[in-house]
C-alpha atoms as a PDB file:
ATOM      1  CA  MET A   1      -2.260  13.978 -16.101  1.00  0.00           C
ATOM      2  CA  LYS A   2       1.370  13.900 -15.047  1.00  0.00           C
ATOM      3  CA  ILE A   3       1.466  11.689 -11.960  1.00  0.00           C
ATOM      4  CA  LEU A   4       4.260  10.818  -9.562  1.00  0.00           C
ATOM      5  CA  VAL A   5       3.931   7.325  -8.107  1.00  0.00           C
ATOM      6  CA  THR A   6       6.394   6.488  -5.355  1.00  0.00           C
ATOM      7  CA  GLY A   7       7.265   2.846  -4.710  1.00  0.00           C
ATOM      8  CA  THR A   8       6.943   1.588  -8.314  1.00  0.00           C
ATOM      9  CA  ALA A   9       9.394  -1.287  -7.737  1.00  0.00           C
ATOM     10  CA  GLY A  10       7.035  -2.366  -4.947  1.00  0.00           C
ATOM     11  CA  PHE A  11       3.933  -4.514  -5.124  1.00  0.00           C
ATOM     12  CA  ILE A  12       1.095  -1.969  -5.256  1.00  0.00           C
ATOM     13  CA  GLY A  13       3.097   0.788  -6.959  1.00  0.00           C
ATOM     14  CA  PHE A  14       4.121  -1.560  -9.775  1.00  0.00           C
ATOM     15  CA  HIS A  15       0.508  -2.519 -10.514  1.00  0.00           C
ATOM     16  CA  LEU A  16      -0.755   1.067 -10.211  1.00  0.00           C
ATOM     17  CA  ALA A  17       1.917   2.415 -12.563  1.00  0.00           C
ATOM     18  CA  GLN A  18       0.931  -0.146 -15.208  1.00  0.00           C
ATOM     19  CA  LYS A  19      -2.734   0.879 -15.065  1.00  0.00           C
ATOM     20  CA  LEU A  20      -1.993   4.606 -15.184  1.00  0.00           C
ATOM     21  CA  ILE A  21       0.398   4.122 -18.098  1.00  0.00           C
ATOM     22  CA  ALA A  22      -2.224   2.062 -19.953  1.00  0.00           C
ATOM     23  CA  ARG A  23      -4.861   4.769 -19.668  1.00  0.00           C
ATOM     24  CA  GLY A  24      -2.472   7.399 -21.028  1.00  0.00           C
ATOM     25  CA  ASP A  25      -1.243   9.325 -18.005  1.00  0.00           C
ATOM     26  CA  GLU A  26       2.367  10.477 -17.979  1.00  0.00           C
ATOM     27  CA  VAL A  27       3.854   8.536 -15.073  1.00  0.00           C
ATOM     28  CA  VAL A  28       7.091   9.093 -13.204  1.00  0.00           C
ATOM     29  CA  GLY A  29       7.932   6.323 -10.747  1.00  0.00           C
ATOM     30  CA  ILE A  30      10.508   6.397  -7.985  1.00  0.00           C
ATOM     31  CA  ASP A  31      11.769   3.703  -5.627  1.00  0.00           C
ATOM     32  CA  SER A  32      14.769   3.236  -3.331  1.00  0.00           C
ATOM     33  CA  ILE A  33      15.001  -0.482  -4.294  1.00  0.00           C
ATOM     34  CA  ASN A  34      16.064  -1.331  -0.742  1.00  0.00           C
ATOM     35  CA  ASP A  35      16.853  -4.864   0.387  1.00  0.00           C
ATOM     36  CA  TYR A  36      13.967  -5.336   2.847  1.00  0.00           C
ATOM     37  CA  TYR A  37      13.087  -8.249   0.591  1.00  0.00           C
ATOM     38  CA  ASP A  38      14.544  -9.800  -2.582  1.00  0.00           C
ATOM     39  CA  ILE A  39      15.671  -6.967  -4.858  1.00  0.00           C
ATOM     40  CA  ASN A  40      15.569  -9.325  -7.840  1.00  0.00           C
ATOM     41  CA  LEU A  41      11.788  -9.401  -7.561  1.00  0.00           C
ATOM     42  CA  LYS A  42      11.780  -5.588  -7.521  1.00  0.00           C
ATOM     43  CA  TYR A  43      14.001  -5.391 -10.587  1.00  0.00           C
ATOM     44  CA  SER A  44      11.788  -7.954 -12.318  1.00  0.00           C
ATOM     45  CA  ARG A  45       8.743  -5.766 -11.726  1.00  0.00           C
ATOM     46  CA  LEU A  46      10.595  -2.802 -13.198  1.00  0.00           C
ATOM     47  CA  GLU A  47      11.618  -4.857 -16.231  1.00  0.00           C
ATOM     48  CA  VAL A  48       7.953  -5.633 -16.931  1.00  0.00           C
ATOM     49  CA  THR A  49       7.397  -1.882 -17.317  1.00  0.00           C
ATOM     50  CA  GLY A  50      10.416  -1.499 -19.593  1.00  0.00           C
ATOM     51  CA  ILE A  51      12.988  -0.344 -17.045  1.00  0.00           C
ATOM     52  CA  ASN A  52      16.249  -2.250 -17.477  1.00  0.00           C
ATOM     53  CA  ARG A  53      18.326  -2.593 -14.307  1.00  0.00           C
ATOM     54  CA  GLU A  54      21.510  -1.740 -16.230  1.00  0.00           C
ATOM     55  CA  HIS A  55      20.037   1.674 -16.990  1.00  0.00           C
ATOM     56  CA  ILE A  56      19.210   2.462 -13.337  1.00  0.00           C
ATOM     57  CA  SER A  57      21.518   4.920 -11.592  1.00  0.00           C
ATOM     58  CA  TYR A  58      20.684   6.755  -8.376  1.00  0.00           C
ATOM     59  CA  GLY A  59      18.960  10.070  -9.034  1.00  0.00           C
ATOM     60  CA  LYS A  60      19.044   9.690 -12.830  1.00  0.00           C
ATOM     61  CA  PRO A  61      15.869   9.303 -14.919  1.00  0.00           C
ATOM     62  CA  ALA A  62      15.594   6.007 -16.821  1.00  0.00           C
ATOM     63  CA  SER A  63      13.155   5.889 -19.749  1.00  0.00           C
ATOM     64  CA  SER A  64      10.971   2.854 -20.332  1.00  0.00           C
ATOM     65  CA  SER A  65      11.732   0.805 -23.426  1.00  0.00           C
ATOM     66  CA  LYS A  66       8.050  -0.199 -23.616  1.00  0.00           C
ATOM     67  CA  HIS A  67       6.131   2.952 -22.722  1.00  0.00           C
ATOM     68  CA  SER A  68       6.902   6.468 -23.929  1.00  0.00           C
ATOM     69  CA  ASN A  69       4.872   7.856 -21.017  1.00  0.00           C
ATOM     70  CA  TYR A  70       6.854   6.172 -18.219  1.00  0.00           C
ATOM     71  CA  THR A  71      10.080   7.267 -16.528  1.00  0.00           C
ATOM     72  CA  PHE A  72      11.714   5.687 -13.470  1.00  0.00           C
ATOM     73  CA  ILE A  73      14.167   7.177 -10.980  1.00  0.00           C
ATOM     74  CA  ASN A  74      15.995   5.354  -8.201  1.00  0.00           C
ATOM     75  CA  LEU A  75      15.463   7.777  -5.312  1.00  0.00           C
ATOM     76  CA  LYS A  76      14.905   7.696  -1.549  1.00  0.00           C
ATOM     77  CA  LEU A  77      12.030   9.612   0.024  1.00  0.00           C
ATOM     78  CA  GLU A  78      14.361  10.829   2.777  1.00  0.00           C
ATOM     79  CA  ASP A  79      16.626  12.480   0.164  1.00  0.00           C
ATOM     80  CA  ARG A  80      15.180  15.981   0.527  1.00  0.00           C
ATOM     81  CA  VAL A  81      17.407  17.576  -2.116  1.00  0.00           C
ATOM     82  CA  GLY A  82      16.608  14.791  -4.574  1.00  0.00           C
ATOM     83  CA  ILE A  83      12.852  14.984  -3.918  1.00  0.00           C
ATOM     84  CA  ASN A  84      12.809  18.770  -4.349  1.00  0.00           C
ATOM     85  CA  LYS A  85      14.709  18.485  -7.636  1.00  0.00           C
ATOM     86  CA  LEU A  86      12.317  15.778  -8.817  1.00  0.00           C
ATOM     87  CA  PHE A  87       9.279  18.000  -8.272  1.00  0.00           C
ATOM     88  CA  ALA A  88      10.973  21.047  -9.817  1.00  0.00           C
ATOM     89  CA  ASP A  89      12.028  19.098 -12.919  1.00  0.00           C
ATOM     90  CA  PHE A  90       8.775  17.283 -13.689  1.00  0.00           C
ATOM     91  CA  LYS A  91       5.976  19.644 -12.575  1.00  0.00           C
ATOM     92  CA  PHE A  92       3.510  16.962 -11.474  1.00  0.00           C
ATOM     93  CA  ASP A  93      -0.250  17.411 -11.385  1.00  0.00           C
ATOM     94  CA  ARG A  94      -0.912  14.722  -8.784  1.00  0.00           C
ATOM     95  CA  VAL A  95       1.098  12.484  -6.470  1.00  0.00           C
ATOM     96  CA  CYS A  96       0.441   8.976  -5.149  1.00  0.00           C
ATOM     97  CA  ASN A  97       2.820   8.085  -2.320  1.00  0.00           C
ATOM     98  CA  LEU A  98       3.000   4.304  -1.921  1.00  0.00           C
ATOM     99  CA  ALA A  99       6.684   4.082  -0.968  1.00  0.00           C
ATOM    100  CA  ALA A 100       7.282   3.219   2.677  1.00  0.00           C
ATOM    101  CA  GLN A 101       9.160   0.883   4.921  1.00  0.00           C
ATOM    102  CA  ALA A 102       6.627  -1.918   5.157  1.00  0.00           C
ATOM    103  CA  GLY A 103       6.084  -4.712   7.646  1.00  0.00           C
ATOM    104  CA  VAL A 104       4.717  -4.884  11.173  1.00  0.00           C
ATOM    105  CA  ARG A 105       7.183  -7.433  12.569  1.00  0.00           C
ATOM    106  CA  TYR A 106      10.258  -5.821  11.002  1.00  0.00           C
ATOM    107  CA  SER A 107       9.409  -2.587  12.832  1.00  0.00           C
ATOM    108  CA  LEU A 108      10.228  -4.350  16.093  1.00  0.00           C
ATOM    109  CA  GLU A 109      13.770  -4.989  14.843  1.00  0.00           C
ATOM    110  CA  ASN A 110      14.650  -1.907  12.807  1.00  0.00           C
ATOM    111  CA  PRO A 111      12.596   1.087  13.974  1.00  0.00           C
ATOM    112  CA  MET A 112      14.880   3.718  12.417  1.00  0.00           C
ATOM    113  CA  ALA A 113      14.039   2.497   8.915  1.00  0.00           C
ATOM    114  CA  TYR A 114      10.434   3.540   9.611  1.00  0.00           C
ATOM    115  CA  ALA A 115      11.445   6.916  10.984  1.00  0.00           C
ATOM    116  CA  ASP A 116      13.565   7.611   7.893  1.00  0.00           C
ATOM    117  CA  SER A 117      11.159   6.512   5.169  1.00  0.00           C
ATOM    118  CA  ASN A 118       7.713   6.839   6.706  1.00  0.00           C
ATOM    119  CA  ILE A 119       8.216   9.998   8.770  1.00  0.00           C
ATOM    120  CA  VAL A 120      11.086  12.048   7.289  1.00  0.00           C
ATOM    121  CA  GLY A 121      10.318  10.843   3.773  1.00  0.00           C
ATOM    122  CA  PHE A 122       6.640  11.691   4.063  1.00  0.00           C
ATOM    123  CA  VAL A 123       7.381  15.217   5.318  1.00  0.00           C
ATOM    124  CA  ASN A 124       9.618  15.679   2.271  1.00  0.00           C
ATOM    125  CA  ILE A 125       6.716  14.655   0.011  1.00  0.00           C
ATOM    126  CA  LEU A 126       4.324  17.002   1.823  1.00  0.00           C
ATOM    127  CA  GLU A 127       6.726  19.921   1.553  1.00  0.00           C
ATOM    128  CA  ALA A 128       7.329  19.278  -2.136  1.00  0.00           C
ATOM    129  CA  CYS A 129       3.576  19.118  -2.760  1.00  0.00           C
ATOM    130  CA  ARG A 130       3.076  22.339  -0.807  1.00  0.00           C
ATOM    131  CA  TYR A 131       5.560  24.316  -2.898  1.00  0.00           C
ATOM    132  CA  ASN A 132       4.706  22.826  -6.309  1.00  0.00           C
ATOM    133  CA  ASP A 133       0.942  23.391  -6.572  1.00  0.00           C
ATOM    134  CA  ILE A 134       0.040  19.697  -6.471  1.00  0.00           C
ATOM    135  CA  GLU A 135      -3.683  19.202  -7.139  1.00  0.00           C
ATOM    136  CA  HIS A 136      -4.013  16.070  -4.987  1.00  0.00           C
ATOM    137  CA  LEU A 137      -1.757  13.943  -2.779  1.00  0.00           C
ATOM    138  CA  VAL A 138      -2.933  10.357  -2.314  1.00  0.00           C
ATOM    139  CA  TYR A 139      -0.946   8.275   0.171  1.00  0.00           C
ATOM    140  CA  ALA A 140      -0.920   4.774   1.592  1.00  0.00           C
ATOM    141  CA  SER A 141      -2.015   4.338   5.161  1.00  0.00           C
ATOM    142  CA  SER A 142      -2.806   0.903   6.601  1.00  0.00           C
ATOM    143  CA  SER A 143      -5.450  -1.146   8.370  1.00  0.00           C
ATOM    144  CA  SER A 144      -2.841  -1.587  11.117  1.00  0.00           C
ATOM    145  CA  VAL A 145      -3.706   1.896  12.431  1.00  0.00           C
ATOM    146  CA  TYR A 146      -6.816   0.364  14.043  1.00  0.00           C
ATOM    147  CA  GLY A 147      -4.540  -1.285  16.603  1.00  0.00           C
ATOM    148  CA  LEU A 148      -6.415  -2.196  19.771  1.00  0.00           C
ATOM    149  CA  ASN A 149      -9.814  -1.252  18.304  1.00  0.00           C
ATOM    150  CA  GLU A 150     -12.249  -4.132  18.682  1.00  0.00           C
ATOM    151  CA  THR A 151     -15.383  -2.620  17.134  1.00  0.00           C
ATOM    152  CA  MET A 152     -15.994  -4.470  13.867  1.00  0.00           C
ATOM    153  CA  PRO A 153     -16.024  -3.699  11.045  1.00  0.00           C
ATOM    154  CA  PHE A 154     -13.249  -1.110  11.286  1.00  0.00           C
ATOM    155  CA  SER A 155     -14.639   2.252  10.230  1.00  0.00           C
ATOM    156  CA  THR A 156     -12.852   5.447   9.244  1.00  0.00           C
ATOM    157  CA  HIS A 157     -15.310   7.170  11.596  1.00  0.00           C
ATOM    158  CA  HIS A 158     -13.630   5.447  14.566  1.00  0.00           C
ATOM    159  CA  ASN A 159     -10.715   7.011  16.408  1.00  0.00           C
ATOM    160  CA  VAL A 160      -7.425   5.163  15.917  1.00  0.00           C
ATOM    161  CA  ASP A 161      -5.332   6.296  18.850  1.00  0.00           C
ATOM    162  CA  HIS A 162      -3.953   2.963  20.070  1.00  0.00           C
ATOM    163  CA  PRO A 163      -1.538   1.474  17.490  1.00  0.00           C
ATOM    164  CA  ILE A 164       0.470  -1.560  18.585  1.00  0.00           C
ATOM    165  CA  SER A 165       3.442  -1.383  16.207  1.00  0.00           C
ATOM    166  CA  LEU A 166       5.770   1.389  15.128  1.00  0.00           C
ATOM    167  CA  TYR A 167       4.718   0.702  11.543  1.00  0.00           C
ATOM    168  CA  ALA A 168       1.103   1.451  12.490  1.00  0.00           C
ATOM    169  CA  ALA A 169       2.154   4.530  14.442  1.00  0.00           C
ATOM    170  CA  SER A 170       4.089   5.819  11.431  1.00  0.00           C
ATOM    171  CA  LYS A 171       1.027   5.424   9.217  1.00  0.00           C
ATOM    172  CA  LYS A 172      -1.182   7.178  11.751  1.00  0.00           C
ATOM    173  CA  SER A 173       1.370   9.994  11.842  1.00  0.00           C
ATOM    174  CA  ASN A 174       1.128  10.288   8.052  1.00  0.00           C
ATOM    175  CA  GLU A 175      -2.616  10.885   8.374  1.00  0.00           C
ATOM    176  CA  LEU A 176      -2.042  13.565  11.015  1.00  0.00           C
ATOM    177  CA  MET A 177       0.675  15.309   9.034  1.00  0.00           C
ATOM    178  CA  ALA A 178      -1.417  15.220   5.872  1.00  0.00           C
ATOM    179  CA  HIS A 179      -4.323  16.831   7.705  1.00  0.00           C
ATOM    180  CA  THR A 180      -2.048  19.609   8.915  1.00  0.00           C
ATOM    181  CA  TYR A 181      -0.950  20.404   5.348  1.00  0.00           C
ATOM    182  CA  SER A 182      -4.517  20.185   4.078  1.00  0.00           C
ATOM    183  CA  TYR A 183      -5.616  22.650   6.740  1.00  0.00           C
ATOM    184  CA  LEU A 184      -2.717  25.107   6.617  1.00  0.00           C
ATOM    185  CA  PHE A 185      -1.924  25.088   2.904  1.00  0.00           C
ATOM    186  CA  LYS A 186      -5.182  23.849   1.318  1.00  0.00           C
ATOM    187  CA  LEU A 187      -3.382  20.827  -0.113  1.00  0.00           C
ATOM    188  CA  PRO A 188      -6.018  18.181  -0.984  1.00  0.00           C
ATOM    189  CA  THR A 189      -4.926  14.889   0.593  1.00  0.00           C
ATOM    190  CA  THR A 190      -6.494  11.439   0.739  1.00  0.00           C
ATOM    191  CA  GLY A 191      -5.201   8.609   2.926  1.00  0.00           C
ATOM    192  CA  LEU A 192      -5.979   4.999   2.014  1.00  0.00           C
ATOM    193  CA  ARG A 193      -6.085   2.322   4.682  1.00  0.00           C
ATOM    194  CA  PHE A 194      -5.247  -0.860   2.780  1.00  0.00           C
ATOM    195  CA  PHE A 195      -6.401  -4.217   4.152  1.00  0.00           C
ATOM    196  CA  THR A 196      -4.054  -7.209   3.587  1.00  0.00           C
ATOM    197  CA  VAL A 197      -3.293  -6.765  -0.099  1.00  0.00           C
ATOM    198  CA  TYR A 198      -2.397  -9.909  -2.050  1.00  0.00           C
ATOM    199  CA  GLY A 199      -2.053 -11.124  -5.618  1.00  0.00           C
ATOM    200  CA  PRO A 200       0.497 -11.737  -8.402  1.00  0.00           C
ATOM    201  CA  TRP A 201       3.890 -10.068  -7.879  1.00  0.00           C
ATOM    202  CA  GLY A 202       3.112  -9.834  -4.144  1.00  0.00           C
ATOM    203  CA  ARG A 203       5.607  -9.319  -1.334  1.00  0.00           C
ATOM    204  CA  PRO A 204       7.696 -12.299  -0.173  1.00  0.00           C
ATOM    205  CA  ASP A 205       7.175 -11.376   3.490  1.00  0.00           C
ATOM    206  CA  MET A 206       3.396 -11.781   3.270  1.00  0.00           C
ATOM    207  CA  ALA A 207       1.530 -14.938   4.286  1.00  0.00           C
ATOM    208  CA  LEU A 208       0.366 -15.984   0.817  1.00  0.00           C
ATOM    209  CA  PHE A 209       3.885 -15.900  -0.602  1.00  0.00           C
ATOM    210  CA  LEU A 210       5.455 -17.588   2.446  1.00  0.00           C
ATOM    211  CA  PHE A 211       2.818 -20.321   2.593  1.00  0.00           C
ATOM    212  CA  THR A 212       2.925 -21.057  -1.142  1.00  0.00           C
ATOM    213  CA  LYS A 213       6.720 -21.286  -1.150  1.00  0.00           C
ATOM    214  CA  ALA A 214       6.816 -23.584   1.901  1.00  0.00           C
ATOM    215  CA  ILE A 215       4.019 -25.901   0.776  1.00  0.00           C
ATOM    216  CA  LEU A 216       5.605 -26.406  -2.642  1.00  0.00           C
ATOM    217  CA  ALA A 217       8.925 -27.187  -0.924  1.00  0.00           C
ATOM    218  CA  GLY A 218       7.265 -29.666   1.425  1.00  0.00           C
ATOM    219  CA  GLU A 219       8.154 -27.521   4.413  1.00  0.00           C
ATOM    220  CA  PRO A 220       5.898 -26.677   7.388  1.00  0.00           C
ATOM    221  CA  ILE A 221       4.208 -23.278   7.627  1.00  0.00           C
ATOM    222  CA  ASP A 222       4.024 -21.187  10.798  1.00  0.00           C
ATOM    223  CA  VAL A 223       0.446 -20.212  11.635  1.00  0.00           C
ATOM    224  CA  PHE A 224       0.208 -17.629  14.386  1.00  0.00           C
ATOM    225  CA  ASN A 225      -2.359 -17.244  17.166  1.00  0.00           C
ATOM    226  CA  ASN A 226      -2.900 -20.997  16.771  1.00  0.00           C
ATOM    227  CA  GLY A 227      -4.806 -20.323  13.572  1.00  0.00           C
ATOM    228  CA  ASN A 228      -7.371 -18.084  15.258  1.00  0.00           C
ATOM    229  CA  MET A 229      -6.797 -15.170  12.891  1.00  0.00           C
ATOM    230  CA  GLN A 230      -8.937 -13.579  10.243  1.00  0.00           C
ATOM    231  CA  ARG A 231      -8.006 -11.023   7.654  1.00  0.00           C
ATOM    232  CA  ASP A 232      -9.872  -8.869   5.174  1.00  0.00           C
ATOM    233  CA  PHE A 233      -7.799 -10.097   2.226  1.00  0.00           C
ATOM    234  CA  THR A 234      -8.029  -7.619  -0.659  1.00  0.00           C
ATOM    235  CA  TYR A 235      -6.979  -8.500  -4.191  1.00  0.00           C
ATOM    236  CA  ILE A 236      -4.475  -6.229  -5.920  1.00  0.00           C
ATOM    237  CA  ASP A 237      -6.726  -5.350  -8.889  1.00  0.00           C
ATOM    238  CA  ASP A 238      -9.402  -4.105  -6.485  1.00  0.00           C
ATOM    239  CA  ILE A 239      -6.835  -2.018  -4.619  1.00  0.00           C
ATOM    240  CA  VAL A 240      -5.564  -0.412  -7.826  1.00  0.00           C
ATOM    241  CA  GLU A 241      -9.066   0.358  -9.087  1.00  0.00           C
ATOM    242  CA  GLY A 242      -9.840   2.058  -5.788  1.00  0.00           C
ATOM    243  CA  VAL A 243      -6.596   4.061  -5.840  1.00  0.00           C
ATOM    244  CA  MET A 244      -7.218   5.287  -9.377  1.00  0.00           C
ATOM    245  CA  ARG A 245     -10.728   6.452  -8.530  1.00  0.00           C
ATOM    246  CA  VAL A 246      -9.346   8.317  -5.530  1.00  0.00           C
ATOM    247  CA  ILE A 247      -6.568   9.982  -7.562  1.00  0.00           C
ATOM    248  CA  ASP A 248      -9.213  11.291  -9.981  1.00  0.00           C
ATOM    249  CA  ASN A 249     -11.392  12.737  -7.204  1.00  0.00           C
ATOM    250  CA  PRO A 250      -9.594  15.203  -4.910  1.00  0.00           C
ATOM    251  CA  PRO A 251     -11.413  15.784  -1.612  1.00  0.00           C
ATOM    252  CA  LYS A 252     -13.221  18.979  -0.791  1.00  0.00           C
ATOM    253  CA  ALA A 253     -13.738  20.556   2.597  1.00  0.00           C
ATOM    254  CA  ASP A 254     -16.658  19.002   4.486  1.00  0.00           C
ATOM    255  CA  SER A 255     -19.068  21.870   5.225  1.00  0.00           C
ATOM    256  CA  SER A 256     -20.945  19.734   7.757  1.00  0.00           C
ATOM    257  CA  TRP A 257     -17.836  18.933   9.803  1.00  0.00           C
ATOM    258  CA  SER A 258     -17.951  20.007  13.434  1.00  0.00           C
ATOM    259  CA  GLY A 259     -15.134  20.317  15.929  1.00  0.00           C
ATOM    260  CA  LYS A 260     -17.667  19.595  18.672  1.00  0.00           C
ATOM    261  CA  LYS A 261     -18.339  16.159  17.240  1.00  0.00           C
ATOM    262  CA  PRO A 262     -15.415  15.596  14.857  1.00  0.00           C
ATOM    263  CA  ASN A 263     -15.544  13.001  12.097  1.00  0.00           C
ATOM    264  CA  PRO A 264     -12.027  11.499  11.897  1.00  0.00           C
ATOM    265  CA  SER A 265     -12.378  10.689   8.182  1.00  0.00           C
ATOM    266  CA  SER A 266     -12.978  14.240   6.914  1.00  0.00           C
ATOM    267  CA  SER A 267     -12.387  17.854   7.897  1.00  0.00           C
ATOM    268  CA  VAL A 268     -13.082  21.514   7.260  1.00  0.00           C
ATOM    269  CA  ALA A 269      -9.886  21.133   5.191  1.00  0.00           C
ATOM    270  CA  PRO A 270      -9.720  19.247   1.843  1.00  0.00           C
ATOM    271  CA  TYR A 271      -8.857  15.985   3.612  1.00  0.00           C
ATOM    272  CA  LYS A 272     -10.260  12.453   3.427  1.00  0.00           C
ATOM    273  CA  ILE A 273      -9.544   8.952   4.714  1.00  0.00           C
ATOM    274  CA  PHE A 274     -10.889   5.782   3.048  1.00  0.00           C
ATOM    275  CA  ASN A 275     -10.692   2.101   3.867  1.00  0.00           C
ATOM    276  CA  ILE A 276      -9.975  -0.132   0.877  1.00  0.00           C
ATOM    277  CA  GLY A 277     -10.769  -3.692   1.869  1.00  0.00           C
ATOM    278  CA  ASN A 278     -12.862  -6.593   0.676  1.00  0.00           C
ATOM    279  CA  SER A 279     -15.274  -6.098   3.597  1.00  0.00           C
ATOM    280  CA  ASN A 280     -15.386  -9.856   3.997  1.00  0.00           C
ATOM    281  CA  PRO A 281     -13.036 -11.199   6.673  1.00  0.00           C
ATOM    282  CA  VAL A 282     -11.688 -14.669   5.958  1.00  0.00           C
ATOM    283  CA  LYS A 283     -10.442 -17.100   8.581  1.00  0.00           C
ATOM    284  CA  LEU A 284      -6.748 -17.776   8.149  1.00  0.00           C
ATOM    285  CA  MET A 285      -7.378 -21.522   8.031  1.00  0.00           C
ATOM    286  CA  ASP A 286      -9.869 -21.009   5.166  1.00  0.00           C
ATOM    287  CA  PHE A 287      -7.240 -18.933   3.368  1.00  0.00           C
ATOM    288  CA  ILE A 288      -4.753 -21.777   3.788  1.00  0.00           C
ATOM    289  CA  ARG A 289      -7.308 -24.226   2.382  1.00  0.00           C
ATOM    290  CA  ALA A 290      -7.664 -21.986  -0.689  1.00  0.00           C
ATOM    291  CA  ILE A 291      -3.883 -22.153  -1.175  1.00  0.00           C
ATOM    292  CA  GLU A 292      -3.911 -25.942  -0.742  1.00  0.00           C
ATOM    293  CA  SER A 293      -6.696 -26.198  -3.314  1.00  0.00           C
ATOM    294  CA  ALA A 294      -4.855 -24.021  -5.847  1.00  0.00           C
ATOM    295  CA  LEU A 295      -1.646 -26.015  -5.326  1.00  0.00           C
ATOM    296  CA  ASN A 296      -3.410 -29.375  -5.027  1.00  0.00           C
ATOM    297  CA  GLN A 297      -1.107 -30.034  -2.085  1.00  0.00           C
ATOM    298  CA  LYS A 298      -1.652 -30.177   1.682  1.00  0.00           C
ATOM    299  CA  ALA A 299       0.144 -27.939   4.155  1.00  0.00           C
ATOM    300  CA  GLU A 300       2.041 -29.121   7.221  1.00  0.00           C
ATOM    301  CA  ILE A 301       1.224 -26.619   9.966  1.00  0.00           C
ATOM    302  CA  ASN A 302       3.151 -25.376  12.989  1.00  0.00           C
ATOM    303  CA  TYR A 303       0.709 -23.601  15.309  1.00  0.00           C
ATOM    304  CA  MET A 304       2.327 -20.610  17.003  1.00  0.00           C
ATOM    305  CA  PRO A 305       1.245 -17.942  19.557  1.00  0.00           C
ATOM    306  CA  LEU A 306       0.181 -14.446  18.494  1.00  0.00           C
ATOM    307  CA  GLN A 307       3.206 -12.343  17.581  1.00  0.00           C
ATOM    308  CA  PRO A 308       3.845  -8.897  19.092  1.00  0.00           C
ATOM    309  CA  GLY A 309       2.362  -6.159  16.905  1.00  0.00           C
ATOM    310  CA  ASP A 310      -0.177  -8.465  15.231  1.00  0.00           C
ATOM    311  CA  VAL A 311      -3.935  -8.069  15.607  1.00  0.00           C
ATOM    312  CA  PRO A 312      -6.210 -11.136  15.636  1.00  0.00           C
ATOM    313  CA  SER A 313      -8.733  -9.782  13.128  1.00  0.00           C
ATOM    314  CA  THR A 314      -9.307  -7.113  10.481  1.00  0.00           C
ATOM    315  CA  TRP A 315     -12.534  -6.182   8.709  1.00  0.00           C
ATOM    316  CA  ALA A 316     -13.067  -3.073   6.582  1.00  0.00           C
ATOM    317  CA  ASP A 317     -16.170  -0.925   6.517  1.00  0.00           C
ATOM    318  CA  VAL A 318     -16.079   0.478   2.952  1.00  0.00           C
ATOM    319  CA  ASP A 319     -19.424   2.312   2.944  1.00  0.00           C
ATOM    320  CA  ASP A 320     -17.653   5.659   2.512  1.00  0.00           C
ATOM    321  CA  LEU A 321     -15.729   4.362  -0.495  1.00  0.00           C
ATOM    322  CA  TRP A 322     -18.968   3.152  -2.041  1.00  0.00           C
ATOM    323  CA  GLY A 323     -20.891   6.296  -1.181  1.00  0.00           C
ATOM    324  CA  SER A 324     -18.220   8.702  -2.446  1.00  0.00           C
ATOM    325  CA  LEU A 325     -16.778   6.825  -5.426  1.00  0.00           C
ATOM    326  CA  GLY A 326     -19.250   4.049  -6.209  1.00  0.00           C
ATOM    327  CA  PHE A 327     -16.661   1.338  -5.720  1.00  0.00           C
ATOM    328  CA  ARG A 328     -16.482  -1.731  -3.540  1.00  0.00           C
ATOM    329  CA  PRO A 329     -13.784  -4.480  -3.826  1.00  0.00           C
ATOM    330  CA  ALA A 330     -15.294  -7.827  -4.769  1.00  0.00           C
ATOM    331  CA  THR A 331     -12.668 -10.363  -5.916  1.00  0.00           C
ATOM    332  CA  SER A 332     -13.067 -13.650  -4.026  1.00  0.00           C
ATOM    333  CA  VAL A 333     -10.181 -15.234  -2.133  1.00  0.00           C
ATOM    334  CA  LYS A 334     -10.529 -18.393  -4.208  1.00  0.00           C
ATOM    335  CA  GLU A 335     -10.056 -16.472  -7.451  1.00  0.00           C
ATOM    336  CA  GLY A 336      -7.328 -14.207  -6.110  1.00  0.00           C
ATOM    337  CA  VAL A 337      -5.274 -17.033  -4.567  1.00  0.00           C
ATOM    338  CA  ALA A 338      -5.531 -19.081  -7.766  1.00  0.00           C
ATOM    339  CA  ASN A 339      -4.217 -16.114  -9.768  1.00  0.00           C
ATOM    340  CA  PHE A 340      -1.286 -15.697  -7.364  1.00  0.00           C
ATOM    341  CA  VAL A 341      -0.383 -19.386  -7.445  1.00  0.00           C
ATOM    342  CA  ALA A 342      -0.458 -19.396 -11.269  1.00  0.00           C
ATOM    343  CA  TRP A 343       1.888 -16.382 -11.311  1.00  0.00           C
ATOM    344  CA  TYR A 344       4.193 -17.883  -8.656  1.00  0.00           C
ATOM    345  CA  LYS A 345       4.598 -21.168 -10.530  1.00  0.00           C
ATOM    346  CA  GLN A 346       5.341 -19.356 -13.777  1.00  0.00           C
ATOM    347  CA  PHE A 347       7.724 -16.796 -12.269  1.00  0.00           C
ATOM    348  CA  TYR A 348       9.709 -19.316 -10.240  1.00  0.00           C
ATOM    349  CA  LYS A 349       9.280 -22.108 -12.796  1.00  0.00           C
ATOM    350  CA  LYS A 350       7.785 -24.419 -10.180  1.00  0.00           C
END
């Protein structure tokens, strides 16, 4: 297939592009390469896939020196003219939209970045899919949409009407907009609620990266909610396997769906929502112990209150993912953290 993957200088998009390239799909990747975090890490990811930073120019295709079936373009989602030209030029079969302004805490400081990328940008993707006969749009949502929900584990059959960050609200809006296009224009769409993704080449603003960097430097780490947090940490390889299975299986209309008792995860339209999580919440302090073990070094901890926008706990119900696609993430935190630490030490020569 010819597949557009947005966000291929980012963590998940980089890993997904590699897997799709390896199995023989023709992949076009785009990314704005913004400075939300270290752009050198983003360029390093691109270099792994054969995209040299000297060959990157805004809006211009750059061919991979390693893979004949990979092309990269520096492009913003909110660039409507650029997005429309992209779709017209390449005639994609399927689209996986992973590009977004990420981060819960950053959304408190710079809300317009989320409006531009996650709202305007996503409408541009939807419109381009609508007018270019795209067989399936897969897009990243987030576990943060569960907001004030306290029923555990979080299920896609629960309503998610009480987000507590603009980032979460933007992801919820993506699900609503996608449903509208699925219903009106019969565009098959699948939203994926990712749960705390981690692993090699991960984001520097995430806990694993921050903690590893600080511990190696002998600096204290900030642990929020006084350590009383738990997360459904999900290893990157499991995320990518789930995304690929979803790309290959466009949703169909649910004939059993009823507006009198609506199921939020499906519809009379070709629309679906999945959780992708490890379904095994880990206490933050246990996660820190796994990092200490991999580093063979103890952490100095600053206990802090819960930050605005954060939720104390996440836990994914992935029964739908298993029932529909026969897949359930399974990589242990011990294994995943050890893999990240090995990558970090090699990449930063620590």
